[in-house]
Structures are given as structure tokens and as C-alpha cells.
Amino acid sequence: MADEPNGTPAAAAGGEKPGVITRAMLKRKRKEKARAKKGPSSPAIVQYADPITVPVHNRAGQQVGTVTVDPKDYGGKISKQLMHDAVLMYRANQRAGTHSTLRRGEVAGSTKKLFRQKGTGNARAGTKRTNKRRGGGTAKGPKPRDYSYSMPKKAVRAATRMAILSKFIDNEAVVVEDLALPAPKTKEVAAVLRAIKVGTQATEAGEKPVTLADQTVLIGTEALDPVVHRSARNIEGVKVLPVGEFNCYRVLRHKRLLLTRAAFEYLKDPAAARERLAAAAGPKPEEKPIVRRGRAGRIQKRKAALAAAKAGEAATK
């Protein structure tokens, strides 16, 4: 290292003196150590192209076949950051925001000065409603507010597809042949959950099979099924939803995803499934016109008369 003309050593690169440890150097070393301990960072978006095999069980818990999942049907990629953002949005939208504290102008008590300014030997004091005193108001405390916000629709839908795809990739999804019940019966749904085995667990007595009844489960049906819903709503950790109402938060909150075969086909091609359900439901009954009263009723009658007059003129032409 070359010396300066006055005999002092030249400054090191970056403006740091040799032999002197600065805060910036310590901060940089801490970051490097944390980065080395954490290891290489995972990519922000992971692509999946290989088909996934999902087992199909009957209601007795026996595997009767498999179905193949094409990741392209669900976007073919997973972004943890997008799913994280969607979960934060859903949880924020569930907040009531009704918290409220009393400020110094809202608590009970007088604003009179406690004692005179001088001559008492005490520290000077003003109102007893100040936040410094017991029973006083809260300084900058929370007030009722709205925590809800929204994300772009395409981002929300993409996050839902990613959440479902992650369940298939992590082998946390199971397909069952059918869950149709003649009447609401919690015992039958509980028996299906106990019959389907999803793994084993090591215990002191040995290997113990793990069933769906031991974990939280989201049951997906093709459409709203009141019988299945009433049969499973009393089981702890179990939620029943039509697959058309899935969202990222609801899918990720439960450990396992149980789909009926019809619900699985719905997820593969939602548009065709909606058309099939609409055809099965038949034509919608005609809605009765709403008869309004007062000023709104007079406006409604005037519009109906004008429409009838225009229709008559068109018929005469």
C-alpha cells in the first residue's frame, strides 16, 4: 500500500481505513453469514410440467384406481409470494376492526387542574384525564377502521389454482368415488374419514396409521350439497365447500384436500362443468316483476306505458 506524502497510509477502497472495523463492515459480515447459513435462495416461481398421480378411494377406504393431474390445467407454476399475498388479503378482510379506545377527551372526569401550579412542592399537573395518569385516556390508541382491501381478480384466481396444485404436488389430495348420502348422517362421513389412510406415524408402540380423521380436511363437492354439508359440519377440523367457492386461504388452511370424482372433473374443466350443472338444473323460473309504491311506483307505471306505446307503434308500422 502506497503512503501519502505526509507519511500516513492511503485510505482503503471504499473509504474504509485499514485495521478499523466499522458498523458497515459488521453489518455486511452479518448479512453474509446469514446468507451462507440460509443456503441458496429458492426461485420466486417454480414451474411444473410432469403429470401427477392421485389415488382414488372408495368409501370403505380401499384404493380403486388413480387419476392423472396435468399441472398445465392449474397454470403449471407456483409462486409462494402470490399465495402469501392472497392469504394476507383474506385474513385482513376477515377482521372486524371494531377495536376502540378512549382518548383523553372521551374518558370520564373533569378537566380542572388538580392543584395550583406553584407552592405545593409537587410536580406541576394538569387534568387527571391525561394519558400519564391511571384512569386517563389512551394516547394514540386504536379506533374502529376497515382493514379490507382487494387484489386483482386474475391474481386471486391464479393463487387459488396454485394452492390446489400445491396440494397435488405435496401428495396431500385424495379423490373419493362418491359421497352421496340419502340423509344427513355424521357417523357415515366420519367413517369415511377414518377409513382412508394417508400415511403412518412412528410411536412408542410402533408404526401407527394416519387417517383423514386425524388431520384437518377440506371436502370439495361439485356443487352445493346440503346433505354432505350437514353431515360433516359437526366434525372438528372438517369443512365442506363446492369447488367453485374455493379460495387460496381456505385450501391452504387445511392439511388435506378430499375431492369427489365429480369435483375433480369440475376443477379440470370448470366451464364444461358449469354448463352441465346448468343443463341438469333446467330453465330458471320466471321472476315476478317487482311492484313498487309511491313515487317509484308512478315512475314504473310511466315507463311501462311508454314501452307499451312504443310496441304498439312498431306493430302498426
C-alpha atoms as a PDB file:
ATOM      1  CA  MET A   1       0.000   0.000   0.000  1.00  0.00           C
ATOM      2  CA  ALA A   2       1.489   3.345  -1.002  1.00  0.00           C
ATOM      3  CA  ASP A   3       1.932   6.048   1.612  1.00  0.00           C
ATOM      4  CA  GLU A   4       0.697   9.571   1.334  1.00  0.00           C
ATOM      5  CA  PRO A   5       3.286  12.402   1.099  1.00  0.00           C
ATOM      6  CA  ASN A   6       2.797  13.186   4.802  1.00  0.00           C
ATOM      7  CA  GLY A   7       3.706   9.601   5.773  1.00  0.00           C
ATOM      8  CA  THR A   8       0.149   8.326   6.570  1.00  0.00           C
ATOM      9  CA  PRO A   9      -1.092   5.171   4.802  1.00  0.00           C
ATOM     10  CA  ALA A  10      -3.538   5.680   1.937  1.00  0.00           C
ATOM     11  CA  ALA A  11      -7.255   5.062   2.566  1.00  0.00           C
ATOM     12  CA  ALA A  12      -8.526   1.607   1.684  1.00  0.00           C
ATOM     13  CA  ALA A  13     -11.004   1.000  -1.103  1.00  0.00           C
ATOM     14  CA  GLY A  14     -14.499   2.182  -0.273  1.00  0.00           C
ATOM     15  CA  GLY A  15     -13.291   4.903   2.086  1.00  0.00           C
ATOM     16  CA  GLU A  16     -12.539   2.452   4.949  1.00  0.00           C
ATOM     17  CA  LYS A  17      -9.310   2.842   6.908  1.00  0.00           C
ATOM     18  CA  PRO A  18      -7.137  -0.282   7.216  1.00  0.00           C
ATOM     19  CA  GLY A  19      -7.361  -2.022  10.571  1.00  0.00           C
ATOM     20  CA  VAL A  20     -10.567  -0.179  11.538  1.00  0.00           C
ATOM     21  CA  ILE A  21     -13.814  -2.141  11.856  1.00  0.00           C
ATOM     22  CA  THR A  22     -16.813   0.000  11.012  1.00  0.00           C
ATOM     23  CA  ARG A  23     -20.514  -0.611  11.521  1.00  0.00           C
ATOM     24  CA  ALA A  24     -20.981  -1.077   7.797  1.00  0.00           C
ATOM     25  CA  MET A  25     -18.382  -3.859   7.784  1.00  0.00           C
ATOM     26  CA  LEU A  26     -20.046  -5.634  10.714  1.00  0.00           C
ATOM     27  CA  LYS A  27     -23.453  -5.321   9.063  1.00  0.00           C
ATOM     28  CA  ARG A  28     -22.080  -6.730   5.802  1.00  0.00           C
ATOM     29  CA  LYS A  29     -20.460  -9.669   7.626  1.00  0.00           C
ATOM     30  CA  ARG A  30     -23.715 -10.446   9.451  1.00  0.00           C
ATOM     31  CA  LYS A  31     -25.622 -10.461   6.153  1.00  0.00           C
ATOM     32  CA  GLU A  32     -23.060 -12.763   4.535  1.00  0.00           C
ATOM     33  CA  LYS A  33     -23.156 -15.162   7.488  1.00  0.00           C
ATOM     34  CA  ALA A  34     -26.978 -15.249   7.467  1.00  0.00           C
ATOM     35  CA  ARG A  35     -26.994 -15.806   3.703  1.00  0.00           C
ATOM     36  CA  ALA A  36     -24.479 -18.665   3.996  1.00  0.00           C
ATOM     37  CA  LYS A  37     -26.477 -20.264   6.815  1.00  0.00           C
ATOM     38  CA  LYS A  38     -29.745 -19.983   4.921  1.00  0.00           C
ATOM     39  CA  GLY A  39     -28.300 -21.512   1.786  1.00  0.00           C
ATOM     40  CA  PRO A  40     -29.157 -20.717  -1.802  1.00  0.00           C
ATOM     41  CA  SER A  41     -32.467 -18.908  -2.202  1.00  0.00           C
ATOM     42  CA  SER A  42     -35.294 -20.750  -3.925  1.00  0.00           C
ATOM     43  CA  PRO A  43     -36.658 -19.329  -7.183  1.00  0.00           C
ATOM     44  CA  ALA A  44     -39.622 -16.974  -6.894  1.00  0.00           C
ATOM     45  CA  ILE A  45     -41.725 -19.039  -9.341  1.00  0.00           C
ATOM     46  CA  VAL A  46     -41.380 -22.813  -9.726  1.00  0.00           C
ATOM     47  CA  GLN A  47     -42.544 -24.453 -12.955  1.00  0.00           C
ATOM     48  CA  TYR A  48     -44.110 -27.951 -13.029  1.00  0.00           C
ATOM     49  CA  ALA A  49     -44.693 -29.997 -16.169  1.00  0.00           C
ATOM     50  CA  ASP A  50     -44.599 -33.680 -15.107  1.00  0.00           C
ATOM     51  CA  PRO A  51     -48.015 -35.335 -14.624  1.00  0.00           C
ATOM     52  CA  ILE A  52     -49.060 -36.129 -11.051  1.00  0.00           C
ATOM     53  CA  THR A  53     -50.826 -39.313  -9.951  1.00  0.00           C
ATOM     54  CA  VAL A  54     -53.537 -39.007  -7.290  1.00  0.00           C
ATOM     55  CA  PRO A  55     -55.082 -42.103  -5.639  1.00  0.00           C
ATOM     56  CA  VAL A  56     -58.817 -42.756  -5.839  1.00  0.00           C
ATOM     57  CA  HIS A  57     -60.530 -44.468  -2.874  1.00  0.00           C
ATOM     58  CA  ASN A  58     -63.982 -45.811  -2.282  1.00  0.00           C
ATOM     59  CA  ARG A  59     -65.991 -45.093   0.850  1.00  0.00           C
ATOM     60  CA  ALA A  60     -64.535 -48.193   2.538  1.00  0.00           C
ATOM     61  CA  GLY A  61     -61.021 -46.766   2.251  1.00  0.00           C
ATOM     62  CA  GLN A  62     -59.809 -49.156  -0.456  1.00  0.00           C
ATOM     63  CA  GLN A  63     -57.821 -47.736  -3.363  1.00  0.00           C
ATOM     64  CA  VAL A  64     -59.758 -48.494  -6.536  1.00  0.00           C
ATOM     65  CA  GLY A  65     -57.624 -46.596  -9.035  1.00  0.00           C
ATOM     66  CA  THR A  66     -55.765 -43.394  -9.791  1.00  0.00           C
ATOM     67  CA  VAL A  67     -56.294 -40.195 -11.711  1.00  0.00           C
ATOM     68  CA  THR A  68     -53.676 -38.140 -13.519  1.00  0.00           C
ATOM     69  CA  VAL A  69     -53.305 -34.419 -12.923  1.00  0.00           C
ATOM     70  CA  ASP A  70     -51.783 -32.257 -15.611  1.00  0.00           C
ATOM     71  CA  PRO A  71     -50.118 -29.216 -13.961  1.00  0.00           C
ATOM     72  CA  LYS A  72     -50.960 -27.157 -17.058  1.00  0.00           C
ATOM     73  CA  ASP A  73     -54.641 -27.376 -16.085  1.00  0.00           C
ATOM     74  CA  TYR A  74     -53.764 -25.334 -12.956  1.00  0.00           C
ATOM     75  CA  GLY A  75     -51.294 -22.927 -14.523  1.00  0.00           C
ATOM     76  CA  GLY A  76     -48.233 -25.184 -14.249  1.00  0.00           C
ATOM     77  CA  LYS A  77     -46.411 -22.924 -11.795  1.00  0.00           C
ATOM     78  CA  ILE A  78     -46.374 -21.993  -8.114  1.00  0.00           C
ATOM     79  CA  SER A  79     -45.456 -18.643  -6.595  1.00  0.00           C
ATOM     80  CA  LYS A  80     -45.181 -18.668  -2.812  1.00  0.00           C
ATOM     81  CA  GLN A  81     -45.205 -14.890  -2.716  1.00  0.00           C
ATOM     82  CA  LEU A  82     -48.509 -14.647  -4.599  1.00  0.00           C
ATOM     83  CA  MET A  83     -50.149 -17.242  -2.341  1.00  0.00           C
ATOM     84  CA  HIS A  84     -48.779 -15.427   0.705  1.00  0.00           C
ATOM     85  CA  ASP A  85     -50.258 -12.135  -0.516  1.00  0.00           C
ATOM     86  CA  ALA A  86     -53.643 -13.780  -1.146  1.00  0.00           C
ATOM     87  CA  VAL A  87     -53.720 -15.341   2.332  1.00  0.00           C
ATOM     88  CA  LEU A  88     -52.882 -11.991   3.930  1.00  0.00           C
ATOM     89  CA  MET A  89     -55.700 -10.366   1.974  1.00  0.00           C
ATOM     90  CA  TYR A  90     -58.279 -12.967   3.039  1.00  0.00           C
ATOM     91  CA  ARG A  91     -57.223 -12.770   6.695  1.00  0.00           C
ATOM     92  CA  ALA A  92     -57.281  -8.971   6.663  1.00  0.00           C
ATOM     93  CA  ASN A  93     -60.769  -8.980   5.126  1.00  0.00           C
ATOM     94  CA  GLN A  94     -61.978 -11.199   7.988  1.00  0.00           C
ATOM     95  CA  ARG A  95     -61.007  -8.640  10.629  1.00  0.00           C
ATOM     96  CA  ALA A  96     -63.943  -6.846  12.216  1.00  0.00           C
ATOM     97  CA  GLY A  97     -61.918  -3.740  13.043  1.00  0.00           C
ATOM     98  CA  THR A  98     -64.197  -2.873  15.983  1.00  0.00           C
ATOM     99  CA  HIS A  99     -61.361  -2.136  18.428  1.00  0.00           C
ATOM    100  CA  SER A 100     -61.790   1.227  20.136  1.00  0.00           C
ATOM    101  CA  THR A 101     -60.042   3.053  22.962  1.00  0.00           C
ATOM    102  CA  LEU A 102     -60.987   6.244  24.789  1.00  0.00           C
ATOM    103  CA  ARG A 103     -58.845   9.279  24.250  1.00  0.00           C
ATOM    104  CA  ARG A 104     -58.278  11.897  26.951  1.00  0.00           C
ATOM    105  CA  GLY A 105     -61.253  13.866  25.691  1.00  0.00           C
ATOM    106  CA  GLU A 106     -63.596  10.855  25.936  1.00  0.00           C
ATOM    107  CA  VAL A 107     -62.920   9.389  29.400  1.00  0.00           C
ATOM    108  CA  ALA A 108     -64.980  10.421  32.382  1.00  0.00           C
ATOM    109  CA  GLY A 109     -63.509  13.104  34.613  1.00  0.00           C
ATOM    110  CA  SER A 110     -63.020  16.832  34.949  1.00  0.00           C
ATOM    111  CA  THR A 111     -60.578  18.949  33.012  1.00  0.00           C
ATOM    112  CA  LYS A 112     -59.890  21.038  36.122  1.00  0.00           C
ATOM    113  CA  LYS A 113     -56.264  21.454  37.157  1.00  0.00           C
ATOM    114  CA  LEU A 114     -55.539  19.093  40.055  1.00  0.00           C
ATOM    115  CA  PHE A 115     -53.780  21.710  42.183  1.00  0.00           C
ATOM    116  CA  ARG A 116     -52.208  25.074  41.721  1.00  0.00           C
ATOM    117  CA  GLN A 117     -49.051  25.424  39.691  1.00  0.00           C
ATOM    118  CA  LYS A 118     -46.709  26.604  42.467  1.00  0.00           C
ATOM    119  CA  GLY A 119     -46.371  26.428  46.194  1.00  0.00           C
ATOM    120  CA  THR A 120     -47.378  22.797  46.850  1.00  0.00           C
ATOM    121  CA  GLY A 121     -43.974  21.160  46.454  1.00  0.00           C
ATOM    122  CA  ASN A 122     -45.443  18.652  43.979  1.00  0.00           C
ATOM    123  CA  ALA A 123     -44.644  18.377  40.324  1.00  0.00           C
ATOM    124  CA  ARG A 124     -46.869  20.513  38.176  1.00  0.00           C
ATOM    125  CA  ALA A 125     -50.000  18.703  36.973  1.00  0.00           C
ATOM    126  CA  GLY A 126     -52.963  19.497  34.770  1.00  0.00           C
ATOM    127  CA  THR A 127     -56.098  17.440  34.084  1.00  0.00           C
ATOM    128  CA  LYS A 128     -56.472  13.958  35.543  1.00  0.00           C
ATOM    129  CA  ARG A 129     -57.701  12.654  32.196  1.00  0.00           C
ATOM    130  CA  THR A 130     -54.245  12.744  30.666  1.00  0.00           C
ATOM    131  CA  ASN A 131     -52.718   9.506  29.415  1.00  0.00           C
ATOM    132  CA  LYS A 132     -49.971   9.817  32.053  1.00  0.00           C
ATOM    133  CA  ARG A 133     -52.362   9.004  34.894  1.00  0.00           C
ATOM    134  CA  ARG A 134     -54.236   5.882  35.918  1.00  0.00           C
ATOM    135  CA  GLY A 135     -57.796   6.003  34.594  1.00  0.00           C
ATOM    136  CA  GLY A 136     -56.877   8.568  31.968  1.00  0.00           C
ATOM    137  CA  GLY A 137     -57.246   8.349  28.237  1.00  0.00           C
ATOM    138  CA  THR A 138     -55.132   6.302  25.847  1.00  0.00           C
ATOM    139  CA  ALA A 139     -52.644   8.163  23.701  1.00  0.00           C
ATOM    140  CA  LYS A 140     -52.837   7.227  20.010  1.00  0.00           C
ATOM    141  CA  GLY A 141     -54.895   4.112  20.762  1.00  0.00           C
ATOM    142  CA  PRO A 142     -56.732   2.124  18.084  1.00  0.00           C
ATOM    143  CA  LYS A 143     -60.049   3.308  16.714  1.00  0.00           C
ATOM    144  CA  PRO A 144     -62.563   1.420  14.535  1.00  0.00           C
ATOM    145  CA  ARG A 145     -61.267   1.052  10.998  1.00  0.00           C
ATOM    146  CA  ASP A 146     -61.730  -1.064   7.883  1.00  0.00           C
ATOM    147  CA  TYR A 147     -58.845  -3.460   7.198  1.00  0.00           C
ATOM    148  CA  SER A 148     -60.262  -4.903   3.989  1.00  0.00           C
ATOM    149  CA  TYR A 149     -58.559  -4.480   0.644  1.00  0.00           C
ATOM    150  CA  SER A 150     -58.622  -6.310  -2.672  1.00  0.00           C
ATOM    151  CA  MET A 151     -56.200  -7.799  -5.175  1.00  0.00           C
ATOM    152  CA  PRO A 152     -56.623  -8.085  -8.945  1.00  0.00           C
ATOM    153  CA  LYS A 153     -59.099 -10.818  -9.880  1.00  0.00           C
ATOM    154  CA  LYS A 154     -56.602 -12.600 -12.107  1.00  0.00           C
ATOM    155  CA  ALA A 155     -54.072 -12.704  -9.267  1.00  0.00           C
ATOM    156  CA  VAL A 156     -56.653 -14.120  -6.834  1.00  0.00           C
ATOM    157  CA  ARG A 157     -57.699 -16.829  -9.301  1.00  0.00           C
ATOM    158  CA  ALA A 158     -54.074 -17.697 -10.060  1.00  0.00           C
ATOM    159  CA  ALA A 159     -53.343 -18.003  -6.321  1.00  0.00           C
ATOM    160  CA  THR A 160     -56.300 -20.386  -5.912  1.00  0.00           C
ATOM    161  CA  ARG A 161     -55.059 -22.578  -8.786  1.00  0.00           C
ATOM    162  CA  MET A 162     -51.561 -22.587  -7.283  1.00  0.00           C
ATOM    163  CA  ALA A 163     -52.902 -23.641  -3.882  1.00  0.00           C
ATOM    164  CA  ILE A 164     -54.801 -26.583  -5.398  1.00  0.00           C
ATOM    165  CA  LEU A 165     -51.781 -27.589  -7.477  1.00  0.00           C
ATOM    166  CA  SER A 166     -49.561 -27.483  -4.380  1.00  0.00           C
ATOM    167  CA  LYS A 167     -51.882 -29.991  -2.679  1.00  0.00           C
ATOM    168  CA  PHE A 168     -51.496 -32.384  -5.609  1.00  0.00           C
ATOM    169  CA  ILE A 169     -47.700 -31.936  -5.709  1.00  0.00           C
ATOM    170  CA  ASP A 170     -47.293 -32.497  -1.949  1.00  0.00           C
ATOM    171  CA  ASN A 171     -49.465 -35.665  -2.060  1.00  0.00           C
ATOM    172  CA  GLU A 172     -51.993 -34.030   0.261  1.00  0.00           C
ATOM    173  CA  ALA A 173     -55.001 -34.539  -2.044  1.00  0.00           C
ATOM    174  CA  VAL A 174     -57.224 -37.616  -2.190  1.00  0.00           C
ATOM    175  CA  VAL A 175     -60.088 -38.416  -4.545  1.00  0.00           C
ATOM    176  CA  VAL A 176     -63.094 -40.424  -3.360  1.00  0.00           C
ATOM    177  CA  GLU A 177     -65.547 -42.130  -5.702  1.00  0.00           C
ATOM    178  CA  ASP A 178     -68.713 -40.638  -4.226  1.00  0.00           C
ATOM    179  CA  LEU A 179     -70.016 -39.032  -1.029  1.00  0.00           C
ATOM    180  CA  ALA A 180     -73.746 -39.059  -1.796  1.00  0.00           C
ATOM    181  CA  LEU A 181     -75.852 -39.727   1.304  1.00  0.00           C
ATOM    182  CA  PRO A 182     -79.592 -40.419   1.483  1.00  0.00           C
ATOM    183  CA  ALA A 183     -79.935 -38.327   4.650  1.00  0.00           C
ATOM    184  CA  PRO A 184     -77.650 -36.240   6.869  1.00  0.00           C
ATOM    185  CA  LYS A 185     -75.580 -38.643   8.967  1.00  0.00           C
ATOM    186  CA  THR A 186     -72.375 -37.522  10.683  1.00  0.00           C
ATOM    187  CA  LYS A 187     -71.433 -41.105  11.514  1.00  0.00           C
ATOM    188  CA  GLU A 188     -71.116 -42.073   7.840  1.00  0.00           C
ATOM    189  CA  VAL A 189     -68.837 -39.146   6.920  1.00  0.00           C
ATOM    190  CA  ALA A 190     -66.695 -39.805   9.995  1.00  0.00           C
ATOM    191  CA  ALA A 191     -66.405 -43.467   8.992  1.00  0.00           C
ATOM    192  CA  VAL A 192     -65.189 -42.473   5.506  1.00  0.00           C
ATOM    193  CA  LEU A 193     -62.539 -40.191   7.015  1.00  0.00           C
ATOM    194  CA  ARG A 194     -61.372 -42.935   9.376  1.00  0.00           C
ATOM    195  CA  ALA A 195     -61.210 -45.495   6.576  1.00  0.00           C
ATOM    196  CA  ILE A 196     -58.953 -43.523   4.204  1.00  0.00           C
ATOM    197  CA  LYS A 197     -55.313 -43.901   5.281  1.00  0.00           C
ATOM    198  CA  VAL A 198     -52.840 -41.234   4.181  1.00  0.00           C
ATOM    199  CA  GLY A 199     -49.614 -42.349   5.895  1.00  0.00           C
ATOM    200  CA  THR A 200     -48.024 -43.699   9.066  1.00  0.00           C
ATOM    201  CA  GLN A 201     -46.713 -42.179  12.258  1.00  0.00           C
ATOM    202  CA  ALA A 202     -43.941 -43.527  14.489  1.00  0.00           C
ATOM    203  CA  THR A 203     -44.997 -44.043  18.115  1.00  0.00           C
ATOM    204  CA  GLU A 204     -43.552 -45.847  21.120  1.00  0.00           C
ATOM    205  CA  ALA A 205     -45.772 -48.844  20.347  1.00  0.00           C
ATOM    206  CA  GLY A 206     -44.662 -48.880  16.705  1.00  0.00           C
ATOM    207  CA  GLU A 207     -45.984 -47.615  13.412  1.00  0.00           C
ATOM    208  CA  LYS A 208     -49.478 -46.151  13.608  1.00  0.00           C
ATOM    209  CA  PRO A 209     -51.590 -45.487  10.504  1.00  0.00           C
ATOM    210  CA  VAL A 210     -52.682 -41.888   9.961  1.00  0.00           C
ATOM    211  CA  THR A 211     -56.155 -41.337   8.541  1.00  0.00           C
ATOM    212  CA  LEU A 212     -58.031 -38.283   7.330  1.00  0.00           C
ATOM    213  CA  ALA A 213     -59.830 -38.198  10.675  1.00  0.00           C
ATOM    214  CA  ASP A 214     -56.506 -37.361  12.381  1.00  0.00           C
ATOM    215  CA  GLN A 215     -55.936 -34.206  10.317  1.00  0.00           C
ATOM    216  CA  THR A 216     -57.853 -31.176   9.139  1.00  0.00           C
ATOM    217  CA  VAL A 217     -59.704 -31.820   5.882  1.00  0.00           C
ATOM    218  CA  LEU A 218     -61.331 -29.675   3.232  1.00  0.00           C
ATOM    219  CA  ILE A 219     -64.014 -31.660   1.402  1.00  0.00           C
ATOM    220  CA  GLY A 220     -64.740 -30.411  -2.095  1.00  0.00           C
ATOM    221  CA  THR A 221     -68.009 -31.254  -3.845  1.00  0.00           C
ATOM    222  CA  GLU A 222     -69.086 -30.496  -7.409  1.00  0.00           C
ATOM    223  CA  ALA A 223     -71.983 -28.301  -6.308  1.00  0.00           C
ATOM    224  CA  LEU A 224     -73.623 -27.262  -3.084  1.00  0.00           C
ATOM    225  CA  ASP A 225     -74.668 -30.486  -1.317  1.00  0.00           C
ATOM    226  CA  PRO A 226     -76.749 -29.673   1.801  1.00  0.00           C
ATOM    227  CA  VAL A 227     -76.777 -33.311   2.928  1.00  0.00           C
ATOM    228  CA  VAL A 228     -72.986 -33.675   2.949  1.00  0.00           C
ATOM    229  CA  HIS A 229     -72.599 -30.232   4.485  1.00  0.00           C
ATOM    230  CA  ARG A 230     -74.945 -31.025   7.363  1.00  0.00           C
ATOM    231  CA  SER A 231     -73.307 -34.419   7.829  1.00  0.00           C
ATOM    232  CA  ALA A 232     -69.767 -33.049   8.194  1.00  0.00           C
ATOM    233  CA  ARG A 233     -70.237 -29.614   9.761  1.00  0.00           C
ATOM    234  CA  ASN A 234     -70.150 -31.038  13.308  1.00  0.00           C
ATOM    235  CA  ILE A 235     -66.778 -32.779  12.817  1.00  0.00           C
ATOM    236  CA  GLU A 236     -63.873 -30.764  14.197  1.00  0.00           C
ATOM    237  CA  GLY A 237     -61.352 -29.662  11.570  1.00  0.00           C
ATOM    238  CA  VAL A 238     -63.588 -30.562   8.603  1.00  0.00           C
ATOM    239  CA  LYS A 239     -65.001 -28.040   6.136  1.00  0.00           C
ATOM    240  CA  VAL A 240     -67.268 -28.747   3.148  1.00  0.00           C
ATOM    241  CA  LEU A 241     -67.304 -26.394   0.162  1.00  0.00           C
ATOM    242  CA  PRO A 242     -68.217 -26.576  -3.525  1.00  0.00           C
ATOM    243  CA  VAL A 243     -65.023 -26.427  -5.571  1.00  0.00           C
ATOM    244  CA  GLY A 244     -66.383 -23.345  -7.326  1.00  0.00           C
ATOM    245  CA  GLU A 245     -66.099 -21.478  -3.995  1.00  0.00           C
ATOM    246  CA  PHE A 246     -62.504 -22.482  -3.234  1.00  0.00           C
ATOM    247  CA  ASN A 247     -60.019 -19.747  -2.444  1.00  0.00           C
ATOM    248  CA  CYS A 248     -56.307 -19.792  -1.689  1.00  0.00           C
ATOM    249  CA  TYR A 249     -56.695 -19.270   2.062  1.00  0.00           C
ATOM    250  CA  ARG A 250     -59.325 -21.971   2.503  1.00  0.00           C
ATOM    251  CA  VAL A 251     -57.338 -24.558   0.519  1.00  0.00           C
ATOM    252  CA  LEU A 252     -54.046 -23.921   2.323  1.00  0.00           C
ATOM    253  CA  ARG A 253     -55.580 -23.726   5.795  1.00  0.00           C
ATOM    254  CA  HIS A 254     -56.459 -27.433   5.856  1.00  0.00           C
ATOM    255  CA  LYS A 255     -53.816 -30.134   5.772  1.00  0.00           C
ATOM    256  CA  ARG A 256     -55.666 -32.483   3.406  1.00  0.00           C
ATOM    257  CA  LEU A 257     -57.908 -31.972   0.393  1.00  0.00           C
ATOM    258  CA  LEU A 258     -60.623 -34.567  -0.231  1.00  0.00           C
ATOM    259  CA  LEU A 259     -62.374 -34.317  -3.600  1.00  0.00           C
ATOM    260  CA  THR A 260     -65.183 -36.321  -5.074  1.00  0.00           C
ATOM    261  CA  ARG A 261     -64.586 -37.581  -8.605  1.00  0.00           C
ATOM    262  CA  ALA A 262     -67.183 -35.137  -9.938  1.00  0.00           C
ATOM    263  CA  ALA A 263     -65.439 -32.273  -8.112  1.00  0.00           C
ATOM    264  CA  PHE A 264     -62.099 -33.354  -9.587  1.00  0.00           C
ATOM    265  CA  GLU A 265     -63.585 -33.218 -13.096  1.00  0.00           C
ATOM    266  CA  TYR A 266     -65.017 -29.782 -12.301  1.00  0.00           C
ATOM    267  CA  LEU A 267     -61.542 -28.477 -11.440  1.00  0.00           C
ATOM    268  CA  LYS A 268     -60.123 -29.830 -14.705  1.00  0.00           C
ATOM    269  CA  ASP A 269     -62.723 -28.047 -16.870  1.00  0.00           C
ATOM    270  CA  PRO A 270     -64.849 -25.561 -14.885  1.00  0.00           C
ATOM    271  CA  ALA A 271     -66.643 -24.126 -17.944  1.00  0.00           C
ATOM    272  CA  ALA A 272     -67.925 -27.502 -19.143  1.00  0.00           C
ATOM    273  CA  ALA A 273     -68.920 -28.463 -15.596  1.00  0.00           C
ATOM    274  CA  ARG A 274     -70.939 -25.264 -15.134  1.00  0.00           C
ATOM    275  CA  GLU A 275     -72.767 -25.877 -18.413  1.00  0.00           C
ATOM    276  CA  ARG A 276     -73.542 -29.445 -17.346  1.00  0.00           C
ATOM    277  CA  LEU A 277     -74.883 -28.301 -13.975  1.00  0.00           C
ATOM    278  CA  ALA A 278     -76.982 -25.581 -15.603  1.00  0.00           C
ATOM    279  CA  ALA A 279     -78.472 -28.105 -18.049  1.00  0.00           C
ATOM    280  CA  ALA A 280     -79.251 -30.501 -15.202  1.00  0.00           C
ATOM    281  CA  ALA A 281     -80.937 -27.744 -13.182  1.00  0.00           C
ATOM    282  CA  GLY A 282     -83.262 -26.890 -16.091  1.00  0.00           C
ATOM    283  CA  PRO A 283     -84.593 -23.482 -17.109  1.00  0.00           C
ATOM    284  CA  LYS A 284     -84.876 -20.869 -14.410  1.00  0.00           C
ATOM    285  CA  PRO A 285     -88.414 -19.933 -13.334  1.00  0.00           C
ATOM    286  CA  GLU A 286     -89.586 -16.537 -14.495  1.00  0.00           C
ATOM    287  CA  GLU A 287     -89.153 -13.893 -11.841  1.00  0.00           C
ATOM    288  CA  LYS A 288     -92.225 -11.904 -10.871  1.00  0.00           C
ATOM    289  CA  PRO A 289     -91.873  -8.194 -11.567  1.00  0.00           C
ATOM    290  CA  ILE A 290     -91.336  -6.058  -8.502  1.00  0.00           C
ATOM    291  CA  VAL A 291     -94.316  -3.795  -7.860  1.00  0.00           C
ATOM    292  CA  ARG A 292     -93.101  -0.530  -6.394  1.00  0.00           C
ATOM    293  CA  ARG A 293     -95.057   2.030  -4.428  1.00  0.00           C
ATOM    294  CA  GLY A 294     -95.148   5.780  -4.136  1.00  0.00           C
ATOM    295  CA  ARG A 295     -93.025   7.875  -6.477  1.00  0.00           C
ATOM    296  CA  ALA A 296     -91.059   4.822  -7.636  1.00  0.00           C
ATOM    297  CA  GLY A 297     -94.361   3.109  -8.493  1.00  0.00           C
ATOM    298  CA  ARG A 298     -95.530   6.065 -10.564  1.00  0.00           C
ATOM    299  CA  ILE A 299     -92.233   6.107 -12.475  1.00  0.00           C
ATOM    300  CA  GLN A 300     -92.530   2.364 -13.047  1.00  0.00           C
ATOM    301  CA  LYS A 301     -96.080   2.724 -14.442  1.00  0.00           C
ATOM    302  CA  ARG A 302     -94.991   5.607 -16.685  1.00  0.00           C
ATOM    303  CA  LYS A 303     -92.116   3.550 -18.117  1.00  0.00           C
ATOM    304  CA  ALA A 304     -94.423   0.574 -18.688  1.00  0.00           C
ATOM    305  CA  ALA A 305     -96.924   2.806 -20.525  1.00  0.00           C
ATOM    306  CA  LEU A 306     -94.177   4.269 -22.726  1.00  0.00           C
ATOM    307  CA  ALA A 307     -92.883   0.793 -23.543  1.00  0.00           C
ATOM    308  CA  ALA A 308     -96.389  -0.377 -24.456  1.00  0.00           C
ATOM    309  CA  ALA A 309     -96.936   2.694 -26.663  1.00  0.00           C
ATOM    310  CA  LYS A 310     -93.648   2.102 -28.497  1.00  0.00           C
ATOM    311  CA  ALA A 311     -94.550  -1.559 -29.019  1.00  0.00           C
ATOM    312  CA  GLY A 312     -97.936  -0.519 -30.446  1.00  0.00           C
ATOM    313  CA  GLU A 313     -96.343   1.971 -32.828  1.00  0.00           C
ATOM    314  CA  ALA A 314     -93.867  -0.675 -34.037  1.00  0.00           C
ATOM    315  CA  ALA A 315     -96.731  -3.123 -34.628  1.00  0.00           C
ATOM    316  CA  THR A 316     -98.712  -0.601 -36.722  1.00  0.00           C
ATOM    317  CA  LYS A 317     -95.677   0.171 -38.895  1.00  0.00           C
END
